[in-house]
Structures are given as structure tokens and as C-alpha cells.
PDB file of N, CA and C in Angstrom:
ATOM      1  N   MET A   1       9.946  -6.185  45.091  1.00  0.00           N
ATOM      2  CA  MET A   1      11.032  -6.690  44.260  1.00  0.00           C
ATOM      3  C   MET A   1      11.585  -7.871  44.640  1.00  0.00           C
ATOM      4  N   ARG A   2      11.823  -8.628  43.488  1.00  0.00           N
ATOM      5  CA  ARG A   2      12.471  -9.987  43.979  1.00  0.00           C
ATOM      6  C   ARG A   2      13.806  -9.625  43.237  1.00  0.00           C
ATOM      7  N   THR A   3      14.936 -10.106  44.257  1.00  0.00           N
ATOM      8  CA  THR A   3      16.256 -10.060  43.602  1.00  0.00           C
ATOM      9  C   THR A   3      16.732 -11.505  44.011  1.00  0.00           C
ATOM     10  N   THR A   4      17.989 -11.836  43.955  1.00  0.00           N
ATOM     11  CA  THR A   4      18.590 -13.002  44.517  1.00  0.00           C
ATOM     12  C   THR A   4      19.731 -12.479  45.173  1.00  0.00           C
ATOM     13  N   LEU A   5      20.313 -12.909  46.387  1.00  0.00           N
ATOM     14  CA  LEU A   5      21.298 -12.553  47.197  1.00  0.00           C
ATOM     15  C   LEU A   5      21.756 -14.158  47.832  1.00  0.00           C
ATOM     16  N   THR A   6      23.398 -13.819  47.922  1.00  0.00           N
ATOM     17  CA  THR A   6      23.818 -15.049  48.287  1.00  0.00           C
ATOM     18  C   THR A   6      24.088 -14.638  49.780  1.00  0.00           C
ATOM     19  N   ILE A   7      23.672 -15.386  50.595  1.00  0.00           N
ATOM     20  CA  ILE A   7      23.802 -15.020  52.261  1.00  0.00           C
ATOM     21  C   ILE A   7      24.461 -16.223  53.098  1.00  0.00           C
ATOM     22  N   ASP A   8      25.532 -15.991  53.703  1.00  0.00           N
ATOM     23  CA  ASP A   8      26.591 -16.636  54.175  1.00  0.00           C
ATOM     24  C   ASP A   8      25.366 -17.640  55.310  1.00  0.00           C
ATOM     25  N   ASP A   9      25.772 -18.969  55.507  1.00  0.00           N
ATOM     26  CA  ASP A   9      25.005 -19.542  56.204  1.00  0.00           C
ATOM     27  C   ASP A   9      24.599 -19.071  57.576  1.00  0.00           C
ATOM     28  N   ASP A  10      25.746 -18.613  58.187  1.00  0.00           N
ATOM     29  CA  ASP A  10      25.473 -18.228  59.803  1.00  0.00           C
ATOM     30  C   ASP A  10      24.514 -17.022  59.560  1.00  0.00           C
ATOM     31  N   VAL A  11      24.454 -16.319  58.704  1.00  0.00           N
ATOM     32  CA  VAL A  11      23.520 -15.107  58.702  1.00  0.00           C
ATOM     33  C   VAL A  11      22.607 -15.337  58.733  1.00  0.00           C
ATOM     34  N   LEU A  12      22.080 -16.316  57.505  1.00  0.00           N
ATOM     35  CA  LEU A  12      20.669 -16.887  57.270  1.00  0.00           C
ATOM     36  C   LEU A  12      20.143 -17.590  58.240  1.00  0.00           C
ATOM     37  N   GLU A  13      21.137 -18.230  59.129  1.00  0.00           N
ATOM     38  CA  GLU A  13      20.611 -19.093  60.296  1.00  0.00           C
ATOM     39  C   GLU A  13      20.385 -18.350  61.348  1.00  0.00           C
ATOM     40  N   ARG A  14      20.788 -16.993  61.519  1.00  0.00           N
ATOM     41  CA  ARG A  14      20.358 -16.039  62.392  1.00  0.00           C
ATOM     42  C   ARG A  14      18.866 -15.498  62.257  1.00  0.00           C
ATOM     43  N   ALA A  15      18.938 -15.238  60.957  1.00  0.00           N
ATOM     44  CA  ALA A  15      17.853 -14.293  60.446  1.00  0.00           C
ATOM     45  C   ALA A  15      16.599 -15.315  60.498  1.00  0.00           C
ATOM     46  N   ARG A  16      16.529 -16.545  60.345  1.00  0.00           N
ATOM     47  CA  ARG A  16      15.513 -17.455  60.418  1.00  0.00           C
ATOM     48  C   ARG A  16      15.194 -17.868  61.963  1.00  0.00           C
ATOM     49  N   GLU A  17      16.315 -17.749  62.656  1.00  0.00           N
ATOM     50  CA  GLU A  17      15.953 -18.074  63.887  1.00  0.00           C
ATOM     51  C   GLU A  17      15.184 -16.815  64.643  1.00  0.00           C
ATOM     52  N   LEU A  18      15.885 -15.541  64.359  1.00  0.00           N
ATOM     53  CA  LEU A  18      15.089 -14.409  64.750  1.00  0.00           C
ATOM     54  C   LEU A  18      13.413 -14.574  64.165  1.00  0.00           C
ATOM     55  N   ALA A  19      13.503 -14.771  62.962  1.00  0.00           N
ATOM     56  CA  ALA A  19      12.122 -14.683  62.375  1.00  0.00           C
ATOM     57  C   ALA A  19      11.110 -15.625  63.169  1.00  0.00           C
ATOM     58  N   ALA A  20      11.623 -16.911  63.548  1.00  0.00           N
ATOM     59  CA  ALA A  20      10.583 -17.708  64.175  1.00  0.00           C
ATOM     60  C   ALA A  20      10.400 -17.262  65.770  1.00  0.00           C
ATOM     61  N   LYS A  21      11.166 -16.722  66.454  1.00  0.00           N
ATOM     62  CA  LYS A  21      11.163 -16.364  67.727  1.00  0.00           C
ATOM     63  C   LYS A  21      10.146 -15.180  67.687  1.00  0.00           C
ATOM     64  N   MET A  22      10.562 -14.237  66.575  1.00  0.00           N
ATOM     65  CA  MET A  22       9.586 -12.816  66.849  1.00  0.00           C
ATOM     66  C   MET A  22       8.279 -13.164  66.010  1.00  0.00           C
ATOM     67  N   ARG A  23       8.043 -14.244  65.627  1.00  0.00           N
ATOM     68  CA  ARG A  23       6.756 -14.959  64.740  1.00  0.00           C
ATOM     69  C   ARG A  23       6.650 -13.823  63.868  1.00  0.00           C
ATOM     70  N   THR A  24       7.473 -13.549  62.957  1.00  0.00           N
ATOM     71  CA  THR A  24       7.706 -12.117  62.025  1.00  0.00           C
ATOM     72  C   THR A  24       8.174 -13.070  60.517  1.00  0.00           C
ATOM     73  N   PRO A  25       7.595 -12.993  59.616  1.00  0.00           N
ATOM     74  CA  PRO A  25       7.903 -13.294  58.135  1.00  0.00           C
ATOM     75  C   PRO A  25       9.743 -13.125  58.057  1.00  0.00           C
ATOM     76  N   PHE A  26      10.291 -13.963  57.255  1.00  0.00           N
ATOM     77  CA  PHE A  26      11.585 -13.997  57.204  1.00  0.00           C
ATOM     78  C   PHE A  26      12.046 -12.832  56.421  1.00  0.00           C
ATOM     79  N   ARG A  27      11.069 -12.592  55.407  1.00  0.00           N
ATOM     80  CA  ARG A  27      11.642 -11.432  54.858  1.00  0.00           C
ATOM     81  C   ARG A  27      11.513 -10.134  55.241  1.00  0.00           C
ATOM     82  N   ALA A  28      10.236  -9.911  56.315  1.00  0.00           N
ATOM     83  CA  ALA A  28      10.490  -8.653  57.129  1.00  0.00           C
ATOM     84  C   ALA A  28      11.852  -8.383  58.062  1.00  0.00           C
ATOM     85  N   VAL A  29      12.132  -9.745  58.584  1.00  0.00           N
ATOM     86  CA  VAL A  29      13.302  -9.638  59.560  1.00  0.00           C
ATOM     87  C   VAL A  29      14.600  -9.324  58.499  1.00  0.00           C
ATOM     88  N   VAL A  30      14.537 -10.113  57.228  1.00  0.00           N
ATOM     89  CA  VAL A  30      15.938  -9.732  56.495  1.00  0.00           C
ATOM     90  C   VAL A  30      15.760  -8.096  55.963  1.00  0.00           C
ATOM     91  N   ASN A  31      14.712  -7.349  55.661  1.00  0.00           N
ATOM     92  CA  ASN A  31      14.423  -6.350  55.085  1.00  0.00           C
ATOM     93  C   ASN A  31      14.863  -5.096  56.239  1.00  0.00           C
ATOM     94  N   GLU A  32      14.383  -5.381  57.645  1.00  0.00           N
ATOM     95  CA  GLU A  32      14.676  -4.290  58.591  1.00  0.00           C
ATOM     96  C   GLU A  32      16.323  -4.523  59.119  1.00  0.00           C
ATOM     97  N   ALA A  33      16.920  -5.699  58.841  1.00  0.00           N
ATOM     98  CA  ALA A  33      18.180  -5.932  59.100  1.00  0.00           C
ATOM     99  C   ALA A  33      19.097  -5.265  58.097  1.00  0.00           C
ATOM    100  N   LEU A  34      18.775  -5.104  56.841  1.00  0.00           N
ATOM    101  CA  LEU A  34      19.265  -4.416  55.930  1.00  0.00           C
ATOM    102  C   LEU A  34      19.044  -2.890  56.113  1.00  0.00           C
ATOM    103  N   ARG A  35      18.061  -2.324  56.283  1.00  0.00           N
ATOM    104  CA  ARG A  35      17.849  -1.052  56.636  1.00  0.00           C
ATOM    105  C   ARG A  35      18.511  -0.599  57.640  1.00  0.00           C
ATOM    106  N   ALA A  36      18.742  -1.276  58.713  1.00  0.00           N
ATOM    107  CA  ALA A  36      19.530  -1.007  60.058  1.00  0.00           C
ATOM    108  C   ALA A  36      20.949  -0.849  59.617  1.00  0.00           C
ATOM    109  N   GLY A  37      21.342  -1.947  58.688  1.00  0.00           N
ATOM    110  CA  GLY A  37      22.731  -1.883  58.415  1.00  0.00           C
ATOM    111  C   GLY A  37      23.200  -0.870  57.519  1.00  0.00           C
ATOM    112  N   LEU A  38      22.208  -0.252  56.544  1.00  0.00           N
ATOM    113  CA  LEU A  38      22.592   0.262  55.600  1.00  0.00           C
ATOM    114  C   LEU A  38      22.685   1.963  56.370  1.00  0.00           C
ATOM    115  N   ASP A  39      21.782   1.917  56.990  1.00  0.00           N
ATOM    116  CA  ASP A  39      21.511   3.340  58.076  1.00  0.00           C
ATOM    117  C   ASP A  39      22.844   3.522  58.786  1.00  0.00           C
ATOM    118  N   ARG A  40      23.555   2.435  59.326  1.00  0.00           N
ATOM    119  CA  ARG A  40      25.062   2.403  60.110  1.00  0.00           C
ATOM    120  C   ARG A  40      25.897   2.792  59.247  1.00  0.00           C
ATOM    121  N   VAL A  41      26.215   2.285  57.946  1.00  0.00           N
ATOM    122  CA  VAL A  41      27.086   2.393  57.008  1.00  0.00           C
ATOM    123  C   VAL A  41      27.095   3.749  56.343  1.00  0.00           C
ATOM    124  N   GLU A  42      25.680   4.379  56.169  1.00  0.00           N
ATOM    125  CA  GLU A  42      25.582   5.684  55.744  1.00  0.00           C
ATOM    126  C   GLU A  42      26.448   6.845  57.292  1.00  0.00           C
ATOM    127  N   GLN A  43      25.907   6.105  58.171  1.00  0.00           N
ATOM    128  CA  GLN A  43      26.312   7.331  59.364  1.00  0.00           C
ATOM    129  C   GLN A  43      27.985   7.245  59.416  1.00  0.00           C
ATOM    130  N   SER A  44      28.466   6.015  59.086  1.00  0.00           N
ATOM    131  CA  SER A  44      30.067   6.200  59.038  1.00  0.00           C
ATOM    132  C   SER A  44      30.531   7.073  58.055  1.00  0.00           C
ATOM    133  N   ALA A  45      30.013   7.020  56.933  1.00  0.00           N
ATOM    134  CA  ALA A  45      30.377   7.622  55.664  1.00  0.00           C
ATOM    135  C   ALA A  45      30.344   9.142  55.874  1.00  0.00           C
ATOM    136  N   LYS A  46      29.469   9.875  56.656  1.00  0.00           N
ATOM    137  CA  LYS A  46      29.017  10.959  57.173  1.00  0.00           C
ATOM    138  C   LYS A  46      30.020  11.781  58.375  1.00  0.00           C
ATOM    139  N   ARG A  47      30.809  10.616  58.848  1.00  0.00           N
ATOM    140  CA  ARG A  47      31.511  11.499  59.982  1.00  0.00           C
ATOM    141  C   ARG A  47      32.835  12.519  59.118  1.00  0.00           C
ATOM    142  N   ARG A  48      33.102  13.229  60.055  1.00  0.00           N
ATOM    143  CA  ARG A  48      33.991  13.900  59.766  1.00  0.00           C
ATOM    144  C   ARG A  48      35.375  13.193  59.657  1.00  0.00           C
ATOM    145  N   PRO A  49      36.034  13.989  58.389  1.00  0.00           N
ATOM    146  CA  PRO A  49      37.530  13.256  58.008  1.00  0.00           C
ATOM    147  C   PRO A  49      38.390  13.485  59.204  1.00  0.00           C
ATOM    148  N   TYR A  50      39.349  12.802  59.166  1.00  0.00           N
ATOM    149  CA  TYR A  50      40.584  13.045  60.320  1.00  0.00           C
ATOM    150  C   TYR A  50      41.418  13.954  59.978  1.00  0.00           C
ATOM    151  N   LYS A  51      41.588  14.734  60.795  1.00  0.00           N
ATOM    152  CA  LYS A  51      42.447  16.238  60.403  1.00  0.00           C
ATOM    153  C   LYS A  51      43.665  16.246  61.250  1.00  0.00           C
ATOM    154  N   THR A  52      44.962  16.792  61.010  1.00  0.00           N
ATOM    155  CA  THR A  52      45.830  16.875  61.371  1.00  0.00           C
ATOM    156  C   THR A  52      46.480  18.446  61.378  1.00  0.00           C
ATOM    157  N   ARG A  53      47.284  19.087  62.134  1.00  0.00           N
ATOM    158  CA  ARG A  53      47.482  20.152  62.065  1.00  0.00           C
ATOM    159  C   ARG A  53      49.026  19.976  61.820  1.00  0.00           C
ATOM    160  N   PRO A  54      49.181  20.919  61.096  1.00  0.00           N
ATOM    161  CA  PRO A  54      50.872  20.696  60.761  1.00  0.00           C
ATOM    162  C   PRO A  54      51.400  21.593  61.580  1.00  0.00           C
ATOM    163  N   HIS A  55      52.632  21.313  61.955  1.00  0.00           N
ATOM    164  CA  HIS A  55      53.714  21.982  63.166  1.00  0.00           C
ATOM    165  C   HIS A  55      54.920  22.126  62.326  1.00  0.00           C
ATOM    166  N   LYS A  56      55.639  23.500  62.257  1.00  0.00           N
ATOM    167  CA  LYS A  56      56.845  23.540  61.752  1.00  0.00           C
ATOM    168  C   LYS A  56      57.791  23.128  62.754  1.00  0.00           C
ATOM    169  N   MET A  57      58.663  21.860  62.178  1.00  0.00           N
ATOM    170  CA  MET A  57      59.535  21.125  62.828  1.00  0.00           C
ATOM    171  C   MET A  57      60.692  21.910  62.406  1.00  0.00           C
ATOM    172  N   GLY A  58      60.890  22.157  61.392  1.00  0.00           N
ATOM    173  CA  GLY A  58      62.737  23.092  61.047  1.00  0.00           C
ATOM    174  C   GLY A  58      63.307  21.988  60.500  1.00  0.00           C
ATOM    175  N   LEU A  59      64.839  22.531  60.653  1.00  0.00           N
ATOM    176  CA  LEU A  59      65.814  21.661  59.933  1.00  0.00           C
ATOM    177  C   LEU A  59      66.737  21.827  60.931  1.00  0.00           C
ATOM    178  N   LYS A  60      67.571  20.796  61.228  1.00  0.00           N
ATOM    179  CA  LYS A  60      68.858  20.708  61.960  1.00  0.00           C
ATOM    180  C   LYS A  60      69.772  21.956  61.213  1.00  0.00           C
ATOM    181  N   ARG A  61      70.676  22.551  62.584  1.00  0.00           N
ATOM    182  CA  ARG A  61      71.647  23.369  62.122  1.00  0.00           C
ATOM    183  C   ARG A  61      72.683  22.599  60.934  1.00  0.00           C
ATOM    184  N   GLY A  62      73.045  23.403  60.090  1.00  0.00           N
ATOM    185  CA  GLY A  62      74.190  22.583  59.060  1.00  0.00           C
ATOM    186  C   GLY A  62      73.707  21.721  57.685  1.00  0.00           C
ATOM    187  N   TYR A  63      72.051  22.095  57.984  1.00  0.00           N
ATOM    188  CA  TYR A  63      71.592  20.940  57.067  1.00  0.00           C
ATOM    189  C   TYR A  63      70.845  22.322  55.950  1.00  0.00           C
ATOM    190  N   ASN A  64      70.537  21.996  54.769  1.00  0.00           N
ATOM    191  CA  ASN A  64      70.090  22.817  53.853  1.00  0.00           C
ATOM    192  C   ASN A  64      69.324  22.131  52.486  1.00  0.00           C
ATOM    193  N   LEU A  65      68.099  22.706  52.877  1.00  0.00           N
ATOM    194  CA  LEU A  65      66.988  22.089  51.614  1.00  0.00           C
ATOM    195  C   LEU A  65      67.565  22.552  50.326  1.00  0.00           C
ATOM    196  N   ASP A  66      68.229  23.538  50.008  1.00  0.00           N
ATOM    197  CA  ASP A  66      68.534  24.030  48.375  1.00  0.00           C
ATOM    198  C   ASP A  66      68.995  23.084  47.700  1.00  0.00           C
ATOM    199  N   ASN A  67      69.940  22.089  48.493  1.00  0.00           N
ATOM    200  CA  ASN A  67      70.676  21.005  47.446  1.00  0.00           C
ATOM    201  C   ASN A  67      70.296  19.812  47.803  1.00  0.00           C
ATOM    202  N   ILE A  68      69.211  19.126  47.477  1.00  0.00           N
ATOM    203  CA  ILE A  68      68.915  17.605  47.986  1.00  0.00           C
ATOM    204  C   ILE A  68      69.734  16.395  48.223  1.00  0.00           C
ATOM    205  N   GLN A  69      70.538  16.295  46.888  1.00  0.00           N
ATOM    206  CA  GLN A  69      71.654  15.324  47.187  1.00  0.00           C
ATOM    207  C   GLN A  69      72.442  15.662  48.227  1.00  0.00           C
ATOM    208  N   GLU A  70      73.003  16.851  48.245  1.00  0.00           N
ATOM    209  CA  GLU A  70      74.048  16.931  49.347  1.00  0.00           C
ATOM    210  C   GLU A  70      73.482  16.773  50.984  1.00  0.00           C
ATOM    211  N   LEU A  71      72.134  17.400  50.737  1.00  0.00           N
ATOM    212  CA  LEU A  71      71.264  16.843  52.033  1.00  0.00           C
ATOM    213  C   LEU A  71      71.302  15.271  52.438  1.00  0.00           C
ATOM    214  N   LEU A  72      70.787  14.755  51.387  1.00  0.00           N
ATOM    215  CA  LEU A  72      70.533  13.155  51.460  1.00  0.00           C
ATOM    216  C   LEU A  72      72.151  12.609  51.965  1.00  0.00           C
ATOM    217  N   ALA A  73      73.031  13.020  51.273  1.00  0.00           N
ATOM    218  CA  ALA A  73      74.557  12.863  51.649  1.00  0.00           C
ATOM    219  C   ALA A  73      74.506  12.955  53.090  1.00  0.00           C
ATOM    220  N   GLN A  74      74.301  14.133  53.523  1.00  0.00           N
ATOM    221  CA  GLN A  74      74.830  14.587  54.828  1.00  0.00           C
ATOM    222  C   GLN A  74      74.251  13.350  55.905  1.00  0.00           C
ATOM    223  N   ILE A  75      72.982  13.264  55.671  1.00  0.00           N
ATOM    224  CA  ILE A  75      72.007  12.492  56.522  1.00  0.00           C
ATOM    225  C   ILE A  75      72.480  10.924  56.737  1.00  0.00           C
ATOM    226  N   GLU A  76      72.456  10.521  55.138  1.00  0.00           N
ATOM    227  CA  GLU A  76      72.848   9.077  55.032  1.00  0.00           C
ATOM    228  C   GLU A  76      74.119   8.760  54.808  1.00  0.00           C
ATOM    229  N   GLY A  77      75.126   9.920  54.658  1.00  0.00           N
ATOM    230  CA  GLY A  77      76.292   9.240  54.463  1.00  0.00           C
ATOM    231  C   GLY A  77      76.760   8.919  53.054  1.00  0.00           C
ATOM    232  N   GLU A  78      77.849   9.140  53.020  1.00  0.00           N
ATOM    233  CA  GLU A  78      78.512   8.974  51.425  1.00  0.00           C
ATOM    234  C   GLU A  78      78.232   7.633  51.184  1.00  0.00           C
ATOM    235  N   ASP A  79      78.795   6.937  52.078  1.00  0.00           N
ATOM    236  CA  ASP A  79      78.951   5.216  51.826  1.00  0.00           C
ATOM    237  C   ASP A  79      77.367   4.603  51.547  1.00  0.00           C
ATOM    238  N   PHE A  80      76.413   5.347  51.852  1.00  0.00           N
ATOM    239  CA  PHE A  80      75.001   4.887  51.625  1.00  0.00           C
ATOM    240  C   PHE A  80      74.562   4.195  50.436  1.00  0.00           C
ATOM    241  N   ARG A  81      75.227   4.967  49.399  1.00  0.00           N
ATOM    242  CA  ARG A  81      75.018   4.536  48.165  1.00  0.00           C
ATOM    243  C   ARG A  81      75.594   3.373  47.558  1.00  0.00           C
TER     244      ARG A  81
END
């Protein structure tokens, strides 16, 4: 299948040099590089997501979560606003 791609100059040069060094068609080098790159991207996507475990940290004495405005005033101070 034919398609048009815009390839950065440095990538194009590396691919051409590799094709010449390996005596392989440029098209084969590009296809193999894309396959390897796509495999790598796919493996990264399959990794397990990062998970954290929650820990109860509690609330310091004298603070109450029932009235958030009062809690903020205690923590930040009345002059904060």
C-alpha cells in the first residue's frame, strides 16, 4: 500500500544509511523499524497501571470535618481571607 509520510531529516538519513549498510531496500528498513516501534508502544500500553494504597492519616485533635468553613478558618487562620 502506498502512503505519504513526513519523516524528519535525521530519521530519514539514519534509515537510508542503515539500508545501504545492510544492503536492504529502504522500504524494508522503514517497515521493520515501524513494526519494532509499534510493538514497543503496544507493550508500554499493556503495562499495569500505577496503584497506590490508601492510608488512614486521621485528623489532628481539635479539628472537625463536620463544618468545613470552621476547619479552614482553624487551619488558615481568620486573617487568611
